[in-house]
């Protein structure tokens, strides 16, 4: 679905995660959303480490995005509460071996990326579909908008997706306008 119906996959993910965030993981609605997510994931052979990595990405990518583009840095209690929230969700998803501290979980996230971020044709197909979905929301042609989306990515992600780094002027423009 990531490549064939990316908007549906995005909408499904958004619905589930928004329900958990808006109602809480321990609410009736939140628990139903987690059960649905577990049912969906249960149809596929997904390793615990892969589930753990995705949980870590959901935890740390918004924090990193805020560090790069936010109007103010998060304070320690905000970072810690984000970690505790998603750790609790991960436990309800029956993900094993979730690190006990923010620092340990972030270290896992960085190490996983160091060892697993690599170009594959399948990863590129997912990257292209996701990028093109994003551009479609704004009605921007791919050939014009792609460098601007690439400017949002760090070098490791660009390499893993097989995307060209954007021109410096484009990266500067994006970074200045999102600050």
N, C-alpha and C. Protein backbone atom coordinates (compact mmCIF):
# COMPACT_ATOMS: atom_id res chain seq x y z
N UNK A 1 0.82 -1.21 0.00
CA UNK A 1 0.00 0.00 0.00
C UNK A 1 0.85 1.26 0.00
N UNK A 2 2.06 1.18 0.53
CA UNK A 2 2.91 2.37 0.56
C UNK A 2 3.20 2.91 -0.82
N UNK A 3 3.29 2.02 -1.80
CA UNK A 3 3.59 2.49 -3.16
C UNK A 3 2.35 2.52 -4.05
N UNK A 4 1.39 1.63 -3.83
CA UNK A 4 0.23 1.56 -4.70
C UNK A 4 -0.89 2.53 -4.29
N UNK A 5 -1.07 2.68 -2.99
CA UNK A 5 -2.12 3.57 -2.49
C UNK A 5 -1.60 4.39 -1.31
N UNK A 6 -0.62 5.26 -1.57
CA UNK A 6 0.01 5.98 -0.46
C UNK A 6 -0.95 6.89 0.31
N UNK A 7 -1.93 7.49 -0.37
CA UNK A 7 -2.87 8.35 0.35
C UNK A 7 -3.70 7.54 1.34
N UNK A 8 -4.14 6.35 0.94
CA UNK A 8 -4.90 5.49 1.86
C UNK A 8 -4.03 5.09 3.04
N UNK A 9 -2.80 4.70 2.77
CA UNK A 9 -1.90 4.30 3.86
C UNK A 9 -1.67 5.48 4.80
N UNK A 10 -1.46 6.67 4.24
CA UNK A 10 -1.27 7.87 5.06
C UNK A 10 -2.52 8.12 5.91
N UNK A 11 -3.70 8.08 5.28
CA UNK A 11 -4.95 8.35 6.00
C UNK A 11 -5.18 7.33 7.12
N UNK A 12 -4.94 6.06 6.83
CA UNK A 12 -5.12 5.02 7.85
C UNK A 12 -4.18 5.24 9.04
N UNK A 13 -2.91 5.53 8.73
CA UNK A 13 -1.93 5.78 9.79
C UNK A 13 -2.31 7.01 10.59
N UNK A 14 -2.69 8.07 9.89
CA UNK A 14 -3.09 9.31 10.56
C UNK A 14 -4.28 9.07 11.48
N UNK A 15 -5.27 8.35 11.01
CA UNK A 15 -6.46 8.08 11.82
C UNK A 15 -6.11 7.32 13.10
N UNK A 16 -5.31 6.29 12.96
CA UNK A 16 -4.94 5.49 14.13
C UNK A 16 -4.10 6.30 15.11
N UNK A 17 -3.04 6.95 14.62
CA UNK A 17 -2.16 7.70 15.52
C UNK A 17 -2.86 8.91 16.12
N UNK A 18 -3.69 9.58 15.34
CA UNK A 18 -4.44 10.74 15.87
C UNK A 18 -5.40 10.31 16.97
N UNK A 19 -6.03 9.17 16.79
CA UNK A 19 -6.95 8.67 17.82
C UNK A 19 -6.19 8.39 19.11
N UNK A 20 -5.04 7.75 18.99
CA UNK A 20 -4.24 7.45 20.18
C UNK A 20 -3.80 8.75 20.87
N UNK A 21 -3.32 9.72 20.08
CA UNK A 21 -2.83 10.98 20.66
C UNK A 21 -3.97 11.82 21.24
N UNK A 22 -5.09 11.88 20.57
CA UNK A 22 -6.19 12.74 21.01
C UNK A 22 -6.96 12.16 22.19
N UNK A 23 -7.12 10.85 22.23
CA UNK A 23 -7.94 10.23 23.28
C UNK A 23 -7.10 9.56 24.37
N UNK A 24 -5.81 9.36 24.08
CA UNK A 24 -4.94 8.66 25.03
C UNK A 24 -4.92 7.17 24.74
N UNK A 25 -3.79 6.55 25.00
CA UNK A 25 -3.62 5.13 24.72
C UNK A 25 -4.43 4.25 25.66
N UNK A 26 -4.84 4.81 26.81
CA UNK A 26 -5.59 4.00 27.77
C UNK A 26 -7.10 4.26 27.73
N UNK A 27 -7.54 5.06 26.77
CA UNK A 27 -8.98 5.30 26.60
C UNK A 27 -9.59 4.16 25.78
N UNK A 28 -10.92 4.07 25.77
CA UNK A 28 -11.61 3.08 24.96
C UNK A 28 -11.22 3.24 23.49
N UNK A 29 -11.23 4.49 22.99
CA UNK A 29 -10.89 4.76 21.59
C UNK A 29 -9.42 4.45 21.30
N UNK A 30 -8.56 4.84 22.23
CA UNK A 30 -7.13 4.59 22.03
C UNK A 30 -6.80 3.11 22.00
N UNK A 31 -7.40 2.36 22.91
CA UNK A 31 -7.15 0.91 22.92
C UNK A 31 -7.70 0.24 21.67
N UNK A 32 -8.85 0.72 21.19
CA UNK A 32 -9.41 0.17 19.94
C UNK A 32 -8.47 0.48 18.77
N UNK A 33 -7.90 1.67 18.74
CA UNK A 33 -6.96 2.03 17.66
C UNK A 33 -5.72 1.16 17.72
N UNK A 34 -5.22 0.90 18.92
CA UNK A 34 -4.04 0.05 19.06
C UNK A 34 -4.37 -1.39 18.65
N UNK A 35 -5.55 -1.88 19.03
CA UNK A 35 -5.95 -3.23 18.58
C UNK A 35 -6.00 -3.30 17.06
N UNK A 36 -6.56 -2.27 16.44
CA UNK A 36 -6.64 -2.24 14.97
C UNK A 36 -5.23 -2.22 14.36
N UNK A 37 -4.34 -1.41 14.93
CA UNK A 37 -2.96 -1.35 14.43
C UNK A 37 -2.30 -2.73 14.58
N UNK A 38 -2.52 -3.38 15.71
CA UNK A 38 -1.94 -4.71 15.92
C UNK A 38 -2.51 -5.72 14.93
N UNK A 39 -3.81 -5.63 14.63
CA UNK A 39 -4.42 -6.52 13.64
C UNK A 39 -3.78 -6.32 12.27
N UNK A 40 -3.61 -5.07 11.88
CA UNK A 40 -3.01 -4.76 10.58
C UNK A 40 -1.59 -5.29 10.52
N UNK A 41 -0.79 -4.99 11.54
CA UNK A 41 0.60 -5.43 11.55
C UNK A 41 0.71 -6.95 11.65
N UNK A 42 -0.26 -7.58 12.30
CA UNK A 42 -0.23 -9.02 12.50
C UNK A 42 -0.33 -9.83 11.21
N UNK A 43 -0.76 -9.20 10.13
CA UNK A 43 -0.87 -9.90 8.84
C UNK A 43 0.48 -10.04 8.15
N UNK A 44 1.49 -9.37 8.67
CA UNK A 44 2.79 -9.34 8.03
C UNK A 44 3.86 -9.88 8.98
N UNK A 45 4.94 -10.38 8.41
CA UNK A 45 6.08 -10.82 9.22
C UNK A 45 6.97 -9.61 9.47
N UNK A 46 6.80 -9.00 10.61
CA UNK A 46 7.59 -7.81 10.98
C UNK A 46 8.39 -8.18 12.21
N UNK A 47 9.69 -8.00 12.14
CA UNK A 47 10.52 -8.35 13.29
C UNK A 47 10.29 -7.36 14.43
N UNK A 48 10.58 -7.82 15.63
CA UNK A 48 10.46 -6.94 16.79
C UNK A 48 11.37 -5.72 16.64
N UNK A 49 12.59 -5.92 16.13
CA UNK A 49 13.51 -4.79 15.96
C UNK A 49 12.95 -3.77 14.97
N UNK A 50 12.29 -4.25 13.91
CA UNK A 50 11.70 -3.30 12.95
C UNK A 50 10.55 -2.53 13.60
N UNK A 51 9.70 -3.21 14.36
CA UNK A 51 8.63 -2.51 15.08
C UNK A 51 9.22 -1.52 16.08
N UNK A 52 10.26 -1.94 16.76
CA UNK A 52 10.91 -1.08 17.74
C UNK A 52 11.51 0.15 17.06
N UNK A 53 12.10 -0.05 15.88
CA UNK A 53 12.65 1.09 15.16
C UNK A 53 11.57 2.07 14.75
N UNK A 54 10.47 1.57 14.20
CA UNK A 54 9.39 2.47 13.79
C UNK A 54 8.86 3.23 15.00
N UNK A 55 8.71 2.56 16.13
CA UNK A 55 8.29 3.24 17.36
C UNK A 55 9.30 4.33 17.73
N UNK A 56 10.57 4.04 17.58
CA UNK A 56 11.59 5.04 17.90
C UNK A 56 11.54 6.22 16.92
N UNK A 57 11.24 5.94 15.66
CA UNK A 57 11.12 7.02 14.67
C UNK A 57 9.92 7.91 14.99
N UNK A 58 8.81 7.30 15.38
CA UNK A 58 7.63 8.09 15.76
C UNK A 58 7.94 8.93 16.99
N UNK A 59 8.80 8.44 17.83
CA UNK A 59 9.20 9.17 19.04
C UNK A 59 10.17 10.31 18.71
N UNK A 60 11.23 10.01 17.95
CA UNK A 60 12.32 10.97 17.82
C UNK A 60 12.26 11.88 16.60
N UNK A 61 11.63 11.46 15.52
CA UNK A 61 11.60 12.34 14.34
C UNK A 61 10.85 13.65 14.59
N UNK A 62 9.70 13.63 15.27
CA UNK A 62 9.08 14.93 15.59
C UNK A 62 9.96 15.82 16.47
N UNK A 63 10.69 15.21 17.38
CA UNK A 63 11.59 15.98 18.24
C UNK A 63 12.71 16.59 17.38
N UNK A 64 13.26 15.80 16.49
CA UNK A 64 14.33 16.31 15.61
C UNK A 64 13.80 17.38 14.65
N UNK A 65 12.60 17.17 14.14
CA UNK A 65 11.99 18.16 13.26
C UNK A 65 11.84 19.48 14.01
N UNK A 66 11.38 19.40 15.24
CA UNK A 66 11.23 20.60 16.05
C UNK A 66 12.58 21.26 16.32
N UNK A 67 13.61 20.47 16.57
CA UNK A 67 14.94 21.04 16.79
C UNK A 67 15.40 21.81 15.56
N UNK A 68 15.05 21.31 14.39
CA UNK A 68 15.50 21.92 13.14
C UNK A 68 14.63 23.08 12.70
N UNK A 69 13.31 22.94 12.86
CA UNK A 69 12.40 23.92 12.28
C UNK A 69 11.44 24.56 13.28
N UNK A 70 11.42 24.12 14.52
CA UNK A 70 10.46 24.62 15.49
C UNK A 70 10.70 26.06 15.90
N UNK A 71 9.69 26.68 16.42
CA UNK A 71 9.81 28.08 16.84
C UNK A 71 10.48 28.21 18.19
N UNK A 72 10.55 27.09 18.94
CA UNK A 72 11.31 27.06 20.20
C UNK A 72 11.73 25.63 20.47
N UNK A 73 12.84 25.47 21.14
CA UNK A 73 13.26 24.09 21.45
C UNK A 73 12.33 23.48 22.51
N UNK A 74 12.17 22.18 22.42
CA UNK A 74 11.42 21.49 23.46
C UNK A 74 12.23 21.50 24.75
N UNK A 75 11.53 21.53 25.86
CA UNK A 75 12.21 21.42 27.14
C UNK A 75 12.31 19.94 27.51
N UNK A 76 13.17 19.63 28.48
CA UNK A 76 13.43 18.24 28.83
C UNK A 76 12.15 17.47 29.14
N UNK A 77 11.25 18.07 29.89
CA UNK A 77 10.02 17.36 30.28
C UNK A 77 9.16 17.04 29.05
N UNK A 78 9.19 17.87 28.03
CA UNK A 78 8.44 17.58 26.80
C UNK A 78 9.05 16.41 26.04
N UNK A 79 10.37 16.38 25.95
CA UNK A 79 11.04 15.26 25.29
C UNK A 79 10.79 13.96 26.06
N UNK A 80 10.93 14.04 27.37
CA UNK A 80 10.75 12.85 28.21
C UNK A 80 9.30 12.35 28.15
N UNK A 81 8.35 13.25 28.18
CA UNK A 81 6.94 12.82 28.13
C UNK A 81 6.61 12.20 26.77
N UNK A 82 7.22 12.71 25.71
CA UNK A 82 7.02 12.11 24.39
C UNK A 82 7.53 10.67 24.41
N UNK A 83 8.70 10.47 24.96
CA UNK A 83 9.27 9.13 25.08
C UNK A 83 8.37 8.22 25.91
N UNK A 84 7.93 8.69 27.08
CA UNK A 84 7.10 7.86 27.95
C UNK A 84 5.77 7.50 27.29
N UNK A 85 5.18 8.45 26.58
CA UNK A 85 3.92 8.19 25.88
C UNK A 85 4.10 7.07 24.86
N UNK A 86 5.09 7.20 23.98
CA UNK A 86 5.27 6.21 22.92
C UNK A 86 5.79 4.89 23.46
N UNK A 87 6.54 4.92 24.56
CA UNK A 87 6.96 3.66 25.18
C UNK A 87 5.74 2.89 25.68
N UNK A 88 4.79 3.61 26.27
CA UNK A 88 3.55 2.96 26.73
C UNK A 88 2.76 2.38 25.56
N UNK A 89 2.69 3.13 24.46
CA UNK A 89 2.01 2.62 23.26
C UNK A 89 2.72 1.36 22.77
N UNK A 90 4.03 1.40 22.72
CA UNK A 90 4.79 0.23 22.27
C UNK A 90 4.54 -0.99 23.13
N UNK A 91 4.42 -0.78 24.42
CA UNK A 91 4.12 -1.91 25.32
C UNK A 91 2.74 -2.48 25.01
N UNK A 92 1.76 -1.61 24.75
CA UNK A 92 0.42 -2.08 24.39
C UNK A 92 0.42 -2.79 23.03
N UNK A 93 1.40 -2.49 22.20
CA UNK A 93 1.54 -3.18 20.92
C UNK A 93 2.32 -4.49 21.08
N UNK A 94 2.74 -4.79 22.29
CA UNK A 94 3.52 -6.00 22.61
C UNK A 94 4.90 -5.98 21.97
N UNK A 95 5.44 -4.78 21.78
CA UNK A 95 6.82 -4.67 21.30
C UNK A 95 7.73 -4.98 22.48
N UNK A 96 8.68 -5.84 22.27
CA UNK A 96 9.59 -6.27 23.34
C UNK A 96 10.85 -5.41 23.37
N UNK A 97 11.49 -5.42 24.51
CA UNK A 97 12.82 -4.83 24.69
C UNK A 97 12.87 -3.33 24.42
N UNK A 98 11.80 -2.62 24.76
CA UNK A 98 11.82 -1.17 24.61
C UNK A 98 12.74 -0.62 25.70
N UNK A 99 13.74 0.15 25.31
CA UNK A 99 14.65 0.70 26.32
C UNK A 99 13.90 1.49 27.40
N UNK A 100 14.47 1.48 28.58
CA UNK A 100 13.84 2.11 29.73
C UNK A 100 14.05 3.62 29.80
N UNK A 101 15.05 4.15 29.10
CA UNK A 101 15.31 5.58 29.18
C UNK A 101 15.30 6.21 27.80
N UNK A 102 15.06 7.50 27.79
CA UNK A 102 15.08 8.30 26.57
C UNK A 102 16.42 8.11 25.86
N UNK A 103 17.50 8.23 26.61
CA UNK A 103 18.85 8.15 26.03
C UNK A 103 19.11 6.78 25.42
N UNK A 104 18.69 5.72 26.09
CA UNK A 104 18.89 4.38 25.56
C UNK A 104 18.08 4.17 24.28
N UNK A 105 16.86 4.68 24.27
CA UNK A 105 16.01 4.52 23.10
C UNK A 105 16.55 5.32 21.92
N UNK A 106 17.03 6.52 22.19
CA UNK A 106 17.61 7.32 21.12
C UNK A 106 18.88 6.65 20.58
N UNK A 107 19.67 6.07 21.45
CA UNK A 107 20.87 5.34 21.02
C UNK A 107 20.47 4.16 20.12
N UNK A 108 19.43 3.42 20.51
CA UNK A 108 18.94 2.33 19.67
C UNK A 108 18.55 2.87 18.29
N UNK A 109 17.80 3.98 18.26
CA UNK A 109 17.35 4.58 17.01
C UNK A 109 18.52 4.92 16.11
N UNK A 110 19.54 5.56 16.65
CA UNK A 110 20.71 5.96 15.85
C UNK A 110 21.49 4.73 15.36
N UNK A 111 21.65 3.74 16.23
CA UNK A 111 22.39 2.53 15.85
C UNK A 111 21.64 1.75 14.78
N UNK A 112 20.34 1.64 14.93
CA UNK A 112 19.55 0.94 13.93
C UNK A 112 19.72 1.61 12.57
N UNK A 113 19.61 2.93 12.54
CA UNK A 113 19.78 3.65 11.28
C UNK A 113 21.18 3.46 10.72
N UNK A 114 22.17 3.51 11.59
CA UNK A 114 23.55 3.34 11.12
C UNK A 114 23.74 1.98 10.43
N UNK A 115 23.10 0.95 10.97
CA UNK A 115 23.29 -0.39 10.43
C UNK A 115 22.31 -0.76 9.32
N UNK A 116 21.15 -0.10 9.29
CA UNK A 116 20.10 -0.54 8.36
C UNK A 116 19.74 0.45 7.26
N UNK A 117 20.13 1.71 7.42
CA UNK A 117 19.83 2.68 6.36
C UNK A 117 20.74 2.38 5.18
N UNK A 118 20.14 1.91 4.11
CA UNK A 118 20.89 1.61 2.89
C UNK A 118 19.91 1.67 1.72
N UNK A 119 20.42 2.00 0.58
CA UNK A 119 19.58 2.06 -0.60
C UNK A 119 19.08 0.68 -0.99
N UNK A 120 17.80 0.59 -1.28
CA UNK A 120 17.20 -0.57 -1.93
C UNK A 120 16.18 -0.04 -2.93
N UNK A 121 15.95 -0.77 -4.01
CA UNK A 121 14.91 -0.32 -4.95
C UNK A 121 13.53 -0.19 -4.29
N UNK A 122 13.23 -1.09 -3.34
CA UNK A 122 11.95 -1.03 -2.65
C UNK A 122 11.85 0.22 -1.78
N UNK A 123 12.93 0.54 -1.08
CA UNK A 123 12.95 1.76 -0.26
C UNK A 123 12.80 3.00 -1.11
N UNK A 124 13.45 3.00 -2.26
CA UNK A 124 13.30 4.14 -3.17
C UNK A 124 11.86 4.27 -3.64
N UNK A 125 11.22 3.15 -3.97
CA UNK A 125 9.83 3.20 -4.43
C UNK A 125 8.92 3.79 -3.35
N UNK A 126 9.15 3.41 -2.09
CA UNK A 126 8.36 3.98 -0.99
C UNK A 126 8.67 5.47 -0.85
N UNK A 127 9.95 5.84 -0.94
CA UNK A 127 10.34 7.24 -0.85
C UNK A 127 9.72 8.10 -1.94
N UNK A 128 9.76 7.60 -3.17
CA UNK A 128 9.19 8.34 -4.30
C UNK A 128 7.68 8.50 -4.12
N UNK A 129 7.00 7.42 -3.74
CA UNK A 129 5.55 7.48 -3.55
C UNK A 129 5.18 8.47 -2.44
N UNK A 130 5.95 8.46 -1.36
CA UNK A 130 5.68 9.36 -0.24
C UNK A 130 5.94 10.81 -0.63
N UNK A 131 7.07 11.05 -1.26
CA UNK A 131 7.40 12.41 -1.72
C UNK A 131 6.34 12.92 -2.69
N UNK A 132 5.95 12.09 -3.64
CA UNK A 132 4.97 12.52 -4.63
C UNK A 132 3.60 12.75 -4.01
N UNK A 133 3.25 11.96 -3.01
CA UNK A 133 2.00 12.19 -2.28
C UNK A 133 2.03 13.57 -1.63
N UNK A 134 3.11 13.87 -0.94
CA UNK A 134 3.26 15.17 -0.28
C UNK A 134 3.12 16.30 -1.30
N UNK A 135 3.79 16.19 -2.42
CA UNK A 135 3.72 17.24 -3.44
C UNK A 135 2.31 17.36 -4.04
N UNK A 136 1.61 16.24 -4.13
CA UNK A 136 0.25 16.28 -4.70
C UNK A 136 -0.70 17.10 -3.83
N UNK A 137 -0.45 17.14 -2.53
CA UNK A 137 -1.32 17.93 -1.64
C UNK A 137 -1.26 19.41 -1.98
N UNK A 138 -0.15 19.84 -2.54
CA UNK A 138 0.05 21.25 -2.86
C UNK A 138 -0.06 21.53 -4.36
N UNK A 139 -0.33 20.48 -5.14
CA UNK A 139 -0.46 20.65 -6.58
C UNK A 139 0.84 21.04 -7.26
N UNK A 140 1.96 20.62 -6.67
CA UNK A 140 3.27 20.98 -7.22
C UNK A 140 3.79 19.82 -8.08
N UNK A 141 4.19 20.10 -9.31
CA UNK A 141 4.77 19.02 -10.15
C UNK A 141 6.03 18.44 -9.50
N UNK A 142 6.20 17.14 -9.65
CA UNK A 142 7.33 16.44 -9.02
C UNK A 142 8.67 17.04 -9.41
N UNK A 143 8.85 17.33 -10.68
CA UNK A 143 10.18 17.80 -11.13
C UNK A 143 10.51 19.16 -10.53
N UNK A 144 9.51 19.95 -10.18
CA UNK A 144 9.76 21.27 -9.56
C UNK A 144 9.88 21.14 -8.05
N UNK A 145 9.01 20.36 -7.45
CA UNK A 145 8.95 20.29 -6.00
C UNK A 145 9.93 19.35 -5.33
N UNK A 146 10.41 18.35 -6.06
CA UNK A 146 11.28 17.35 -5.44
C UNK A 146 12.49 17.93 -4.71
N UNK A 147 13.24 18.88 -5.30
CA UNK A 147 14.39 19.41 -4.57
C UNK A 147 14.00 20.07 -3.23
N UNK A 148 12.81 20.64 -3.17
CA UNK A 148 12.37 21.29 -1.93
C UNK A 148 12.03 20.26 -0.86
N UNK A 149 11.43 19.16 -1.26
CA UNK A 149 11.18 18.07 -0.31
C UNK A 149 12.50 17.45 0.12
N UNK A 150 13.41 17.27 -0.81
CA UNK A 150 14.72 16.69 -0.47
C UNK A 150 15.47 17.58 0.52
N UNK A 151 15.23 18.88 0.47
CA UNK A 151 15.89 19.80 1.41
C UNK A 151 15.44 19.58 2.85
N UNK A 152 14.32 18.89 3.04
CA UNK A 152 13.84 18.58 4.39
C UNK A 152 14.52 17.35 4.97
N UNK A 153 15.22 16.60 4.14
CA UNK A 153 15.82 15.33 4.55
C UNK A 153 17.29 15.50 4.90
N UNK A 154 17.75 14.68 5.83
CA UNK A 154 19.18 14.69 6.11
C UNK A 154 19.90 13.82 5.08
N UNK A 155 21.22 13.90 5.08
CA UNK A 155 22.00 13.21 4.05
C UNK A 155 21.83 11.70 4.08
N UNK A 156 21.74 11.12 5.28
CA UNK A 156 21.58 9.66 5.37
C UNK A 156 20.27 9.21 4.74
N UNK A 157 19.20 9.94 4.96
CA UNK A 157 17.91 9.58 4.38
C UNK A 157 17.93 9.78 2.87
N UNK A 158 18.53 10.87 2.41
CA UNK A 158 18.64 11.09 0.96
C UNK A 158 19.36 9.92 0.29
N UNK A 159 20.46 9.49 0.88
CA UNK A 159 21.22 8.38 0.31
C UNK A 159 20.41 7.09 0.33
N UNK A 160 19.73 6.82 1.45
CA UNK A 160 18.93 5.59 1.55
C UNK A 160 17.79 5.58 0.53
N UNK A 161 17.24 6.74 0.21
CA UNK A 161 16.15 6.83 -0.77
C UNK A 161 16.67 6.92 -2.20
N UNK A 162 17.96 7.13 -2.35
CA UNK A 162 18.53 7.30 -3.69
C UNK A 162 18.16 8.64 -4.31
N UNK A 163 17.91 9.64 -3.47
CA UNK A 163 17.56 10.98 -3.95
C UNK A 163 18.82 11.83 -4.02
N UNK A 164 18.85 12.71 -5.02
CA UNK A 164 19.95 13.67 -5.13
C UNK A 164 19.83 14.72 -4.05
N UNK A 165 20.94 15.12 -3.46
CA UNK A 165 20.87 16.24 -2.52
C UNK A 165 20.41 17.50 -3.26
N UNK A 166 19.65 18.34 -2.59
CA UNK A 166 19.17 19.55 -3.25
C UNK A 166 20.31 20.56 -3.39
N UNK A 167 20.18 21.49 -4.32
CA UNK A 167 21.17 22.57 -4.38
C UNK A 167 21.19 23.33 -3.06
N UNK A 168 22.37 23.84 -2.70
CA UNK A 168 22.51 24.58 -1.44
C UNK A 168 21.50 25.71 -1.31
N UNK A 169 21.26 26.42 -2.41
CA UNK A 169 20.33 27.54 -2.38
C UNK A 169 18.92 27.08 -2.00
N UNK A 170 18.53 25.90 -2.50
CA UNK A 170 17.20 25.37 -2.17
C UNK A 170 17.16 24.98 -0.70
N UNK A 171 18.20 24.29 -0.22
CA UNK A 171 18.23 23.90 1.20
C UNK A 171 18.18 25.14 2.09
N UNK A 172 18.96 26.16 1.77
CA UNK A 172 18.97 27.40 2.55
C UNK A 172 17.59 28.06 2.56
N UNK A 173 16.97 28.11 1.39
CA UNK A 173 15.64 28.72 1.29
C UNK A 173 14.63 27.98 2.16
N UNK A 174 14.64 26.66 2.08
CA UNK A 174 13.71 25.85 2.88
C UNK A 174 13.97 26.06 4.38
N UNK A 175 15.24 25.97 4.78
CA UNK A 175 15.57 26.10 6.19
C UNK A 175 15.22 27.49 6.73
N UNK A 176 15.47 28.53 5.94
CA UNK A 176 15.14 29.89 6.37
C UNK A 176 13.65 30.11 6.49
N UNK A 177 12.88 29.51 5.60
CA UNK A 177 11.44 29.73 5.60
C UNK A 177 10.67 28.83 6.55
N UNK A 178 11.32 27.81 7.06
CA UNK A 178 10.65 26.96 8.04
C UNK A 178 11.07 27.28 9.46
N UNK A 179 12.04 28.12 9.63
CA UNK A 179 12.45 28.52 11.00
C UNK A 179 11.37 29.36 11.65
